[in-house]
Amino acid sequence: MQSWPSKARIIAIGFAAAAGIAYPFAVYFYRDRLPAVAFVAAALLLLGLQLSVLRSSMARLWRVPLLISAILTVAIAFLDQNVAREAYPVVRSLAASAIFCWTLVSPPSLVERFARITQSDLPEAAVRYCRTVTIIWAVWLAANAAIATALVARGDLKSWAIWTGILSYVISGLIFAGEFGYRFLFLKSAKRP
C-alpha cells in the first residue's frame, strides 16, 4: 500500500480532527434535515479516514480499536439508527481508552512511548510517572464515553452535543495542560539540588 504524501496526511489528519469536533453539532443542528443513516455513514467515513492515515508504528496501535469502533457503529445502526448517529464520540472515546489500557498490559505505556520520542533513556521514575499518566487518560476516556452514553440514553441531544463537542475537549485540554504544567514546574524543580 502506498503511503500518503506527508502534506496530504497532515491535511487529512487535520480534517478528521476538525470533523470529529464538528460532528456532534452537525447531528444536533441537522438531525431533522438528514436521515440518521447519513450521520452513521459520515462517522464511518471519519473512522475510515483515520485508519487510512495511520503509518507510524505508534499510530498502528489505533487500527484494531478503530476497526472495532466501525463494526460497533454498524451493529448499533442495525438496532437503532438514531442511537448509532450519536455513537461516534462514544466509540472513539472507548477506542482511545482501550489503547491506553492495552499499553498498560503490554508495556511500554502509551505516554512512555510518546516520551521516548524525545528522550530514549528514561529513568525508572519517569517510566512510573508515564504509567500513572496513561492510567489517568484511560480512566478519563472511559468516563467520557460513559457520560456520553448516559446522555444518549436520556435522549438529551442538546446536552450530548455540548458534552461531546465542547466540554469533553475542554476537559481533555485541561488534563493535558495540567499534566504538562505539573511535569514542567514540579518535576523539573524536583531534579534541582
N, C-alpha and C. Protein backbone atom coordinates (compact mmCIF):
# COMPACT_ATOMS: atom_id res chain seq x y z
N MET A 1 0.84 -1.18 0.00
CA MET A 1 0.00 0.00 0.00
C MET A 1 0.89 1.24 0.00
N GLN A 2 0.64 2.13 -0.90
CA GLN A 2 1.44 3.35 -0.99
C GLN A 2 0.99 4.33 0.08
N SER A 3 1.96 4.95 0.76
CA SER A 3 1.60 5.88 1.82
C SER A 3 1.27 7.25 1.26
N TRP A 4 0.47 7.96 2.01
CA TRP A 4 0.10 9.32 1.63
C TRP A 4 1.33 10.21 1.69
N PRO A 5 1.43 11.21 0.81
CA PRO A 5 2.49 12.20 0.97
C PRO A 5 2.28 12.91 2.31
N SER A 6 3.36 13.35 2.93
CA SER A 6 3.25 13.90 4.28
C SER A 6 2.31 15.10 4.37
N LYS A 7 2.31 16.00 3.38
CA LYS A 7 1.43 17.16 3.41
C LYS A 7 -0.04 16.73 3.33
N ALA A 8 -0.34 15.78 2.47
CA ALA A 8 -1.71 15.28 2.35
C ALA A 8 -2.14 14.58 3.63
N ARG A 9 -1.23 13.86 4.26
CA ARG A 9 -1.55 13.17 5.52
C ARG A 9 -1.86 14.19 6.61
N ILE A 10 -1.09 15.25 6.68
CA ILE A 10 -1.32 16.29 7.69
C ILE A 10 -2.68 16.95 7.46
N ILE A 11 -3.01 17.21 6.21
CA ILE A 11 -4.32 17.80 5.89
C ILE A 11 -5.43 16.83 6.27
N ALA A 12 -5.24 15.55 5.95
CA ALA A 12 -6.26 14.54 6.28
C ALA A 12 -6.44 14.41 7.78
N ILE A 13 -5.35 14.43 8.53
CA ILE A 13 -5.43 14.35 9.99
C ILE A 13 -6.14 15.58 10.55
N GLY A 14 -5.79 16.75 10.04
CA GLY A 14 -6.45 17.98 10.48
C GLY A 14 -7.94 17.98 10.16
N PHE A 15 -8.28 17.52 8.96
CA PHE A 15 -9.69 17.45 8.57
C PHE A 15 -10.45 16.47 9.46
N ALA A 16 -9.86 15.29 9.71
CA ALA A 16 -10.52 14.29 10.55
C ALA A 16 -10.73 14.83 11.96
N ALA A 17 -9.74 15.54 12.50
CA ALA A 17 -9.88 16.11 13.84
C ALA A 17 -10.98 17.17 13.87
N ALA A 18 -10.95 18.07 12.90
CA ALA A 18 -11.98 19.13 12.85
C ALA A 18 -13.37 18.55 12.65
N ALA A 19 -13.47 17.57 11.76
CA ALA A 19 -14.77 16.94 11.50
C ALA A 19 -15.27 16.19 12.72
N GLY A 20 -14.37 15.56 13.46
CA GLY A 20 -14.75 14.87 14.68
C GLY A 20 -15.29 15.81 15.73
N ILE A 21 -14.70 16.99 15.83
CA ILE A 21 -15.17 18.01 16.77
C ILE A 21 -16.51 18.57 16.31
N ALA A 22 -16.66 18.77 15.01
CA ALA A 22 -17.90 19.35 14.46
C ALA A 22 -19.05 18.35 14.41
N TYR A 23 -18.73 17.06 14.42
CA TYR A 23 -19.74 16.02 14.24
C TYR A 23 -20.95 16.16 15.18
N PRO A 24 -20.74 16.33 16.51
CA PRO A 24 -21.91 16.44 17.39
C PRO A 24 -22.83 17.62 17.04
N PHE A 25 -22.24 18.72 16.60
CA PHE A 25 -23.05 19.88 16.26
C PHE A 25 -23.80 19.66 14.95
N ALA A 26 -23.17 18.96 14.02
CA ALA A 26 -23.86 18.61 12.78
C ALA A 26 -25.07 17.73 13.09
N VAL A 27 -24.89 16.77 13.98
CA VAL A 27 -26.01 15.91 14.38
C VAL A 27 -27.11 16.76 15.01
N TYR A 28 -26.73 17.63 15.92
CA TYR A 28 -27.73 18.43 16.63
C TYR A 28 -28.50 19.36 15.69
N PHE A 29 -27.77 20.07 14.85
CA PHE A 29 -28.42 21.09 14.01
C PHE A 29 -29.10 20.53 12.76
N TYR A 30 -28.65 19.37 12.28
CA TYR A 30 -29.20 18.84 11.03
C TYR A 30 -29.98 17.54 11.22
N ARG A 31 -30.25 17.15 12.44
CA ARG A 31 -30.94 15.89 12.71
C ARG A 31 -32.32 15.80 12.06
N ASP A 32 -32.98 16.96 11.90
CA ASP A 32 -34.31 16.95 11.29
C ASP A 32 -34.26 17.07 9.77
N ARG A 33 -33.09 17.39 9.24
CA ARG A 33 -32.96 17.58 7.78
C ARG A 33 -32.32 16.39 7.09
N LEU A 34 -31.55 15.62 7.82
CA LEU A 34 -30.85 14.47 7.24
C LEU A 34 -31.26 13.19 7.97
N PRO A 35 -31.34 12.09 7.26
CA PRO A 35 -31.66 10.83 7.95
C PRO A 35 -30.49 10.39 8.83
N ALA A 36 -30.81 9.65 9.88
CA ALA A 36 -29.79 9.18 10.81
C ALA A 36 -28.70 8.39 10.09
N VAL A 37 -29.08 7.64 9.07
CA VAL A 37 -28.10 6.82 8.35
C VAL A 37 -27.03 7.69 7.67
N ALA A 38 -27.36 8.93 7.33
CA ALA A 38 -26.36 9.83 6.74
C ALA A 38 -25.26 10.15 7.75
N PHE A 39 -25.64 10.32 9.01
CA PHE A 39 -24.64 10.58 10.05
C PHE A 39 -23.82 9.34 10.35
N VAL A 40 -24.47 8.19 10.32
CA VAL A 40 -23.75 6.94 10.52
C VAL A 40 -22.71 6.78 9.41
N ALA A 41 -23.10 7.07 8.17
CA ALA A 41 -22.16 6.99 7.04
C ALA A 41 -21.01 7.98 7.24
N ALA A 42 -21.32 9.19 7.71
CA ALA A 42 -20.27 10.19 7.95
C ALA A 42 -19.31 9.70 9.04
N ALA A 43 -19.85 9.10 10.10
CA ALA A 43 -19.00 8.56 11.16
C ALA A 43 -18.08 7.46 10.63
N LEU A 44 -18.64 6.59 9.79
CA LEU A 44 -17.83 5.52 9.21
C LEU A 44 -16.76 6.08 8.28
N LEU A 45 -17.10 7.12 7.54
CA LEU A 45 -16.09 7.77 6.68
C LEU A 45 -14.97 8.38 7.52
N LEU A 46 -15.34 9.01 8.64
CA LEU A 46 -14.31 9.58 9.52
C LEU A 46 -13.41 8.48 10.08
N LEU A 47 -14.01 7.39 10.52
CA LEU A 47 -13.19 6.28 11.01
C LEU A 47 -12.30 5.72 9.91
N GLY A 48 -12.83 5.61 8.69
CA GLY A 48 -12.04 5.14 7.56
C GLY A 48 -10.89 6.09 7.23
N LEU A 49 -11.17 7.39 7.29
CA LEU A 49 -10.11 8.38 7.04
C LEU A 49 -9.02 8.26 8.09
N GLN A 50 -9.43 8.11 9.34
CA GLN A 50 -8.44 7.96 10.41
C GLN A 50 -7.59 6.71 10.21
N LEU A 51 -8.23 5.63 9.80
CA LEU A 51 -7.49 4.39 9.53
C LEU A 51 -6.50 4.57 8.38
N SER A 52 -6.89 5.34 7.38
CA SER A 52 -6.06 5.47 6.18
C SER A 52 -4.79 6.28 6.40
N VAL A 53 -4.73 7.10 7.44
CA VAL A 53 -3.55 7.93 7.65
C VAL A 53 -2.59 7.34 8.67
N LEU A 54 -2.92 6.18 9.23
CA LEU A 54 -2.07 5.56 10.25
C LEU A 54 -0.86 4.90 9.59
N ARG A 55 0.30 5.42 9.86
CA ARG A 55 1.51 4.89 9.23
C ARG A 55 2.58 4.49 10.24
N SER A 56 2.82 5.31 11.26
CA SER A 56 3.91 5.01 12.19
C SER A 56 3.55 3.79 13.04
N SER A 57 4.56 3.19 13.64
CA SER A 57 4.30 2.01 14.48
C SER A 57 3.41 2.38 15.66
N MET A 58 3.56 3.59 16.21
CA MET A 58 2.70 4.01 17.31
C MET A 58 1.27 4.24 16.83
N ALA A 59 1.13 4.81 15.66
CA ALA A 59 -0.20 5.07 15.11
C ALA A 59 -0.93 3.76 14.81
N ARG A 60 -0.18 2.73 14.50
CA ARG A 60 -0.81 1.44 14.18
C ARG A 60 -1.55 0.84 15.36
N LEU A 61 -1.24 1.30 16.58
CA LEU A 61 -1.97 0.85 17.76
C LEU A 61 -3.46 1.13 17.62
N TRP A 62 -3.79 2.14 16.82
CA TRP A 62 -5.19 2.56 16.66
C TRP A 62 -5.98 1.68 15.71
N ARG A 63 -5.32 0.90 14.89
CA ARG A 63 -6.03 0.16 13.83
C ARG A 63 -7.15 -0.74 14.36
N VAL A 64 -6.83 -1.64 15.26
CA VAL A 64 -7.84 -2.58 15.75
C VAL A 64 -8.96 -1.85 16.48
N PRO A 65 -8.65 -0.92 17.42
CA PRO A 65 -9.75 -0.21 18.08
C PRO A 65 -10.63 0.59 17.11
N LEU A 66 -10.04 1.18 16.08
CA LEU A 66 -10.85 1.92 15.11
C LEU A 66 -11.72 0.98 14.27
N LEU A 67 -11.18 -0.17 13.91
CA LEU A 67 -11.98 -1.17 13.18
C LEU A 67 -13.14 -1.66 14.05
N ILE A 68 -12.85 -1.92 15.32
CA ILE A 68 -13.91 -2.34 16.24
C ILE A 68 -14.94 -1.23 16.38
N SER A 69 -14.50 0.02 16.42
CA SER A 69 -15.42 1.16 16.50
C SER A 69 -16.36 1.19 15.30
N ALA A 70 -15.80 0.95 14.13
CA ALA A 70 -16.63 0.93 12.91
C ALA A 70 -17.64 -0.22 12.96
N ILE A 71 -17.18 -1.39 13.38
CA ILE A 71 -18.07 -2.55 13.48
C ILE A 71 -19.18 -2.29 14.49
N LEU A 72 -18.83 -1.71 15.64
CA LEU A 72 -19.84 -1.38 16.65
C LEU A 72 -20.85 -0.37 16.12
N THR A 73 -20.37 0.62 15.39
CA THR A 73 -21.26 1.63 14.83
C THR A 73 -22.26 0.98 13.87
N VAL A 74 -21.78 0.09 13.02
CA VAL A 74 -22.67 -0.60 12.08
C VAL A 74 -23.65 -1.48 12.84
N ALA A 75 -23.17 -2.21 13.84
CA ALA A 75 -24.05 -3.09 14.62
C ALA A 75 -25.14 -2.28 15.32
N ILE A 76 -24.76 -1.15 15.91
CA ILE A 76 -25.75 -0.29 16.58
C ILE A 76 -26.74 0.26 15.56
N ALA A 77 -26.26 0.58 14.36
CA ALA A 77 -27.15 1.11 13.32
C ALA A 77 -28.22 0.10 12.93
N PHE A 78 -27.89 -1.19 12.95
CA PHE A 78 -28.90 -2.22 12.66
C PHE A 78 -29.97 -2.27 13.73
N LEU A 79 -29.59 -1.91 14.97
CA LEU A 79 -30.55 -1.93 16.08
C LEU A 79 -31.36 -0.64 16.15
N ASP A 80 -30.66 0.51 16.03
CA ASP A 80 -31.34 1.80 16.15
C ASP A 80 -30.46 2.87 15.49
N GLN A 81 -30.89 3.37 14.34
CA GLN A 81 -30.08 4.33 13.61
C GLN A 81 -29.90 5.64 14.35
N ASN A 82 -30.91 6.06 15.13
CA ASN A 82 -30.77 7.31 15.88
C ASN A 82 -29.71 7.19 16.97
N VAL A 83 -29.66 6.05 17.63
CA VAL A 83 -28.62 5.82 18.64
C VAL A 83 -27.26 5.72 17.94
N ALA A 84 -27.20 5.04 16.82
CA ALA A 84 -25.94 4.90 16.08
C ALA A 84 -25.41 6.26 15.64
N ARG A 85 -26.31 7.16 15.29
CA ARG A 85 -25.92 8.51 14.88
C ARG A 85 -25.15 9.21 16.00
N GLU A 86 -25.50 8.89 17.24
CA GLU A 86 -24.86 9.53 18.39
C GLU A 86 -23.73 8.69 18.99
N ALA A 87 -23.44 7.55 18.38
CA ALA A 87 -22.45 6.62 18.93
C ALA A 87 -21.01 7.01 18.60
N TYR A 88 -20.79 7.80 17.55
CA TYR A 88 -19.41 8.08 17.11
C TYR A 88 -18.51 8.59 18.24
N PRO A 89 -18.90 9.65 18.99
CA PRO A 89 -17.99 10.10 20.06
C PRO A 89 -17.78 9.05 21.14
N VAL A 90 -18.79 8.22 21.37
CA VAL A 90 -18.67 7.18 22.39
C VAL A 90 -17.66 6.13 21.94
N VAL A 91 -17.81 5.62 20.74
CA VAL A 91 -16.91 4.56 20.28
C VAL A 91 -15.48 5.08 20.11
N ARG A 92 -15.34 6.35 19.73
CA ARG A 92 -13.99 6.93 19.60
C ARG A 92 -13.32 7.04 20.96
N SER A 93 -14.08 7.48 21.96
CA SER A 93 -13.52 7.60 23.30
C SER A 93 -13.18 6.23 23.87
N LEU A 94 -14.05 5.25 23.63
CA LEU A 94 -13.75 3.89 24.07
C LEU A 94 -12.52 3.32 23.37
N ALA A 95 -12.38 3.62 22.08
CA ALA A 95 -11.21 3.15 21.33
C ALA A 95 -9.93 3.74 21.92
N ALA A 96 -9.96 5.03 22.22
CA ALA A 96 -8.77 5.67 22.79
C ALA A 96 -8.47 5.10 24.18
N SER A 97 -9.51 4.91 24.99
CA SER A 97 -9.30 4.32 26.32
C SER A 97 -8.71 2.92 26.19
N ALA A 98 -9.21 2.15 25.23
CA ALA A 98 -8.70 0.79 25.02
C ALA A 98 -7.22 0.80 24.67
N ILE A 99 -6.80 1.77 23.88
CA ILE A 99 -5.39 1.85 23.51
C ILE A 99 -4.53 2.16 24.73
N PHE A 100 -4.96 3.15 25.53
CA PHE A 100 -4.21 3.45 26.75
C PHE A 100 -4.15 2.22 27.65
N CYS A 101 -5.29 1.53 27.82
CA CYS A 101 -5.32 0.32 28.67
C CYS A 101 -4.43 -0.78 28.11
N TRP A 102 -4.49 -0.98 26.80
CA TRP A 102 -3.69 -2.04 26.18
C TRP A 102 -2.20 -1.83 26.46
N THR A 103 -1.76 -0.58 26.38
CA THR A 103 -0.32 -0.33 26.60
C THR A 103 0.06 -0.47 28.07
N LEU A 104 -0.93 -0.49 28.97
CA LEU A 104 -0.64 -0.76 30.38
C LEU A 104 -0.34 -2.24 30.60
N VAL A 105 -1.02 -3.11 29.85
CA VAL A 105 -0.78 -4.54 29.99
C VAL A 105 0.27 -5.05 29.00
N SER A 106 0.60 -4.23 28.01
CA SER A 106 1.63 -4.56 27.04
C SER A 106 2.58 -3.37 26.94
N PRO A 107 3.45 -3.21 27.97
CA PRO A 107 4.31 -2.02 28.03
C PRO A 107 5.24 -1.91 26.82
N PRO A 108 5.76 -0.74 26.56
CA PRO A 108 5.66 0.46 27.39
C PRO A 108 4.30 1.14 27.27
N SER A 109 3.97 1.92 28.32
CA SER A 109 2.69 2.63 28.31
C SER A 109 2.68 3.63 27.16
N LEU A 110 1.48 4.06 26.77
CA LEU A 110 1.37 4.97 25.63
C LEU A 110 2.10 6.28 25.90
N VAL A 111 1.96 6.82 27.09
CA VAL A 111 2.64 8.08 27.41
C VAL A 111 4.15 7.88 27.40
N GLU A 112 4.63 6.73 27.86
CA GLU A 112 6.07 6.44 27.79
C GLU A 112 6.53 6.37 26.33
N ARG A 113 5.72 5.79 25.47
CA ARG A 113 6.09 5.72 24.05
C ARG A 113 6.25 7.12 23.47
N PHE A 114 5.32 8.02 23.84
CA PHE A 114 5.45 9.41 23.40
C PHE A 114 6.71 10.06 23.98
N ALA A 115 6.95 9.82 25.27
CA ALA A 115 8.11 10.43 25.94
C ALA A 115 9.42 9.96 25.31
N ARG A 116 9.47 8.71 24.89
CA ARG A 116 10.71 8.18 24.32
C ARG A 116 11.00 8.71 22.91
N ILE A 117 10.03 9.38 22.32
CA ILE A 117 10.30 10.02 21.02
C ILE A 117 11.36 11.10 21.19
N THR A 118 11.31 11.82 22.30
CA THR A 118 12.26 12.91 22.53
C THR A 118 13.38 12.54 23.50
N GLN A 119 13.15 11.52 24.33
CA GLN A 119 14.17 11.11 25.30
C GLN A 119 14.16 9.59 25.40
N SER A 120 15.12 8.96 24.72
CA SER A 120 15.11 7.50 24.65
C SER A 120 15.48 6.82 25.96
N ASP A 121 16.28 7.46 26.78
CA ASP A 121 16.72 6.83 28.04
C ASP A 121 15.98 7.46 29.23
N LEU A 122 14.81 6.94 29.49
CA LEU A 122 14.01 7.45 30.61
C LEU A 122 14.41 6.74 31.89
N PRO A 123 14.57 7.50 32.98
CA PRO A 123 14.82 6.84 34.27
C PRO A 123 13.56 6.11 34.74
N GLU A 124 13.75 5.18 35.67
CA GLU A 124 12.63 4.37 36.15
C GLU A 124 11.51 5.23 36.75
N ALA A 125 11.86 6.31 37.41
CA ALA A 125 10.83 7.20 37.98
C ALA A 125 9.98 7.81 36.88
N ALA A 126 10.59 8.15 35.77
CA ALA A 126 9.85 8.72 34.63
C ALA A 126 8.93 7.66 34.01
N VAL A 127 9.39 6.42 33.96
CA VAL A 127 8.57 5.33 33.42
C VAL A 127 7.33 5.15 34.29
N ARG A 128 7.51 5.18 35.63
CA ARG A 128 6.36 5.06 36.55
C ARG A 128 5.42 6.25 36.38
N TYR A 129 5.99 7.44 36.24
CA TYR A 129 5.17 8.64 36.04
C TYR A 129 4.35 8.52 34.74
N CYS A 130 4.98 8.08 33.67
CA CYS A 130 4.28 7.89 32.39
C CYS A 130 3.16 6.87 32.53
N ARG A 131 3.39 5.84 33.29
CA ARG A 131 2.35 4.83 33.52
C ARG A 131 1.16 5.44 34.26
N THR A 132 1.44 6.26 35.26
CA THR A 132 0.36 6.93 36.01
C THR A 132 -0.45 7.85 35.10
N VAL A 133 0.23 8.60 34.26
CA VAL A 133 -0.47 9.50 33.33
C VAL A 133 -1.30 8.69 32.33
N THR A 134 -0.78 7.56 31.90
CA THR A 134 -1.53 6.68 31.00
C THR A 134 -2.81 6.19 31.68
N ILE A 135 -2.72 5.83 32.94
CA ILE A 135 -3.91 5.40 33.70
C ILE A 135 -4.93 6.53 33.78
N ILE A 136 -4.46 7.74 34.05
CA ILE A 136 -5.36 8.90 34.14
C ILE A 136 -6.12 9.08 32.82
N TRP A 137 -5.40 9.00 31.70
CA TRP A 137 -6.05 9.16 30.39
C TRP A 137 -7.02 8.02 30.11
N ALA A 138 -6.66 6.81 30.45
CA ALA A 138 -7.55 5.66 30.22
C ALA A 138 -8.85 5.82 31.00
N VAL A 139 -8.74 6.23 32.26
CA VAL A 139 -9.92 6.42 33.10
C VAL A 139 -10.76 7.58 32.58
N TRP A 140 -10.11 8.69 32.24
CA TRP A 140 -10.86 9.84 31.74
C TRP A 140 -11.63 9.49 30.46
N LEU A 141 -10.98 8.82 29.53
CA LEU A 141 -11.63 8.49 28.26
C LEU A 141 -12.79 7.52 28.46
N ALA A 142 -12.64 6.57 29.39
CA ALA A 142 -13.75 5.66 29.69
C ALA A 142 -14.90 6.43 30.35
N ALA A 143 -14.57 7.34 31.26
CA ALA A 143 -15.61 8.16 31.90
C ALA A 143 -16.31 9.05 30.88
N ASN A 144 -15.56 9.59 29.96
CA ASN A 144 -16.13 10.42 28.90
C ASN A 144 -17.13 9.62 28.08
N ALA A 145 -16.76 8.41 27.72
CA ALA A 145 -17.67 7.54 26.96
C ALA A 145 -18.92 7.22 27.78
N ALA A 146 -18.75 6.99 29.08
CA ALA A 146 -19.89 6.67 29.94
C ALA A 146 -20.85 7.87 30.03
N ILE A 147 -20.30 9.06 30.17
CA ILE A 147 -21.15 10.26 30.24
C ILE A 147 -21.89 10.47 28.93
N ALA A 148 -21.20 10.34 27.81
CA ALA A 148 -21.85 10.49 26.50
C ALA A 148 -22.93 9.43 26.31
N THR A 149 -22.66 8.21 26.75
CA THR A 149 -23.65 7.14 26.65
C THR A 149 -24.88 7.45 27.50
N ALA A 150 -24.66 7.96 28.70
CA ALA A 150 -25.78 8.32 29.57
C ALA A 150 -26.63 9.42 28.93
N LEU A 151 -26.00 10.38 28.28
CA LEU A 151 -26.75 11.45 27.61
C LEU A 151 -27.54 10.91 26.42
N VAL A 152 -26.96 9.95 25.70
CA VAL A 152 -27.69 9.31 24.60
C VAL A 152 -28.90 8.56 25.17
N ALA A 153 -28.68 7.82 26.25
CA ALA A 153 -29.77 7.04 26.86
C ALA A 153 -30.89 7.95 27.37
N ARG A 154 -30.53 9.11 27.87
CA ARG A 154 -31.54 10.08 28.34
C ARG A 154 -32.28 10.74 27.20
N GLY A 155 -31.71 10.67 26.01
CA GLY A 155 -32.34 11.32 24.86
C GLY A 155 -32.14 12.82 24.86
N ASP A 156 -31.12 13.28 25.57
CA ASP A 156 -30.84 14.72 25.69
C ASP A 156 -29.79 15.11 24.65
N LEU A 157 -30.26 15.33 23.42
CA LEU A 157 -29.36 15.59 22.30
C LEU A 157 -28.57 16.88 22.47
N LYS A 158 -29.19 17.91 23.01
CA LYS A 158 -28.50 19.19 23.21
C LYS A 158 -27.34 19.02 24.19
N SER A 159 -27.61 18.40 25.33
CA SER A 159 -26.53 18.17 26.31
C SER A 159 -25.46 17.25 25.74
N TRP A 160 -25.89 16.24 24.96
CA TRP A 160 -24.93 15.34 24.32
C TRP A 160 -24.01 16.12 23.38
N ALA A 161 -24.58 17.02 22.57
CA ALA A 161 -23.78 17.80 21.63
C ALA A 161 -22.81 18.72 22.37
N ILE A 162 -23.28 19.36 23.43
CA ILE A 162 -22.40 20.25 24.21
C ILE A 162 -21.30 19.44 24.88
N TRP A 163 -21.67 18.28 25.45
CA TRP A 163 -20.66 17.46 26.12
C TRP A 163 -19.63 16.94 25.13
N THR A 164 -20.11 16.30 24.05
CA THR A 164 -19.18 15.64 23.13
C THR A 164 -18.47 16.61 22.19
N GLY A 165 -19.05 17.80 21.98
CA GLY A 165 -18.45 18.75 21.05
C GLY A 165 -17.64 19.84 21.71
N ILE A 166 -17.89 20.08 23.02
CA ILE A 166 -17.16 21.17 23.69
C ILE A 166 -16.53 20.69 25.00
N LEU A 167 -17.38 20.31 25.95
CA LEU A 167 -16.90 20.06 27.31
C LEU A 167 -15.86 18.95 27.40
N SER A 168 -16.07 17.86 26.68
CA SER A 168 -15.09 16.77 26.76
C SER A 168 -13.73 17.22 26.21
N TYR A 169 -13.72 18.08 25.19
CA TYR A 169 -12.46 18.59 24.65
C TYR A 169 -11.82 19.58 25.61
N VAL A 170 -12.63 20.39 26.27
CA VAL A 170 -12.10 21.33 27.27
C VAL A 170 -11.45 20.55 28.41
N ILE A 171 -12.15 19.53 28.91
CA ILE A 171 -11.59 18.73 30.00
C ILE A 171 -10.31 18.01 29.54
N SER A 172 -10.32 17.47 28.34
CA SER A 172 -9.10 16.82 27.81
C SER A 172 -7.95 17.83 27.73
N GLY A 173 -8.26 19.03 27.27
CA GLY A 173 -7.24 20.08 27.21
C GLY A 173 -6.71 20.45 28.58
N LEU A 174 -7.61 20.51 29.57
CA LEU A 174 -7.18 20.83 30.94
C LEU A 174 -6.32 19.71 31.51
N ILE A 175 -6.67 18.47 31.23
CA ILE A 175 -5.84 17.35 31.70
C ILE A 175 -4.46 17.43 31.06
N PHE A 176 -4.43 17.67 29.75
CA PHE A 176 -3.15 17.77 29.04
C PHE A 176 -2.32 18.94 29.58
N ALA A 177 -2.96 20.12 29.71
CA ALA A 177 -2.25 21.30 30.20
C ALA A 177 -1.81 21.11 31.65
N GLY A 178 -2.67 20.51 32.45
CA GLY A 178 -2.31 20.27 33.85
C GLY A 178 -1.14 19.33 33.99
N GLU A 179 -1.15 18.27 33.21
CA GLU A 179 -0.03 17.33 33.25
C GLU A 179 1.25 17.99 32.74
N PHE A 180 1.13 18.75 31.66
CA PHE A 180 2.31 19.43 31.12
C PHE A 180 2.86 20.42 32.15
N GLY A 181 1.96 21.20 32.75
CA GLY A 181 2.39 22.17 33.76
C GLY A 181 3.02 21.49 34.96
N TYR A 182 2.41 20.41 35.43
CA TYR A 182 2.96 19.66 36.56
C TYR A 182 4.35 19.15 36.21
N ARG A 183 4.47 18.54 35.05
CA ARG A 183 5.75 17.99 34.63
C ARG A 183 6.80 19.09 34.51
N PHE A 184 6.42 20.22 33.92
CA PHE A 184 7.37 21.31 33.69
C PHE A 184 7.77 21.98 35.00
N LEU A 185 6.78 22.33 35.83
CA LEU A 185 7.06 23.09 37.04
C LEU A 185 7.59 22.25 38.19
N PHE A 186 6.94 21.12 38.44
CA PHE A 186 7.28 20.37 39.63
C PHE A 186 8.34 19.31 39.40
N LEU A 187 8.25 18.59 38.33
CA LEU A 187 9.23 17.54 38.10
C LEU A 187 10.61 18.12 37.74
N LYS A 188 10.62 19.21 36.99
CA LYS A 188 11.91 19.85 36.66
C LYS A 188 12.55 20.42 37.92
N SER A 189 11.73 21.05 38.79
CA SER A 189 12.28 21.64 40.02
C SER A 189 12.72 20.56 41.00
N ALA A 190 12.10 19.40 40.95
CA ALA A 190 12.49 18.30 41.84
C ALA A 190 13.87 17.77 41.51
N LYS A 191 14.34 17.97 40.27
CA LYS A 191 15.66 17.49 39.86
C LYS A 191 16.77 18.42 40.35
N ARG A 192 16.39 19.68 40.67
CA ARG A 192 17.42 20.64 41.11
C ARG A 192 17.84 20.34 42.53
N PRO A 193 19.14 20.53 42.85
CA PRO A 193 19.62 20.28 44.22
C PRO A 193 19.14 21.35 45.18
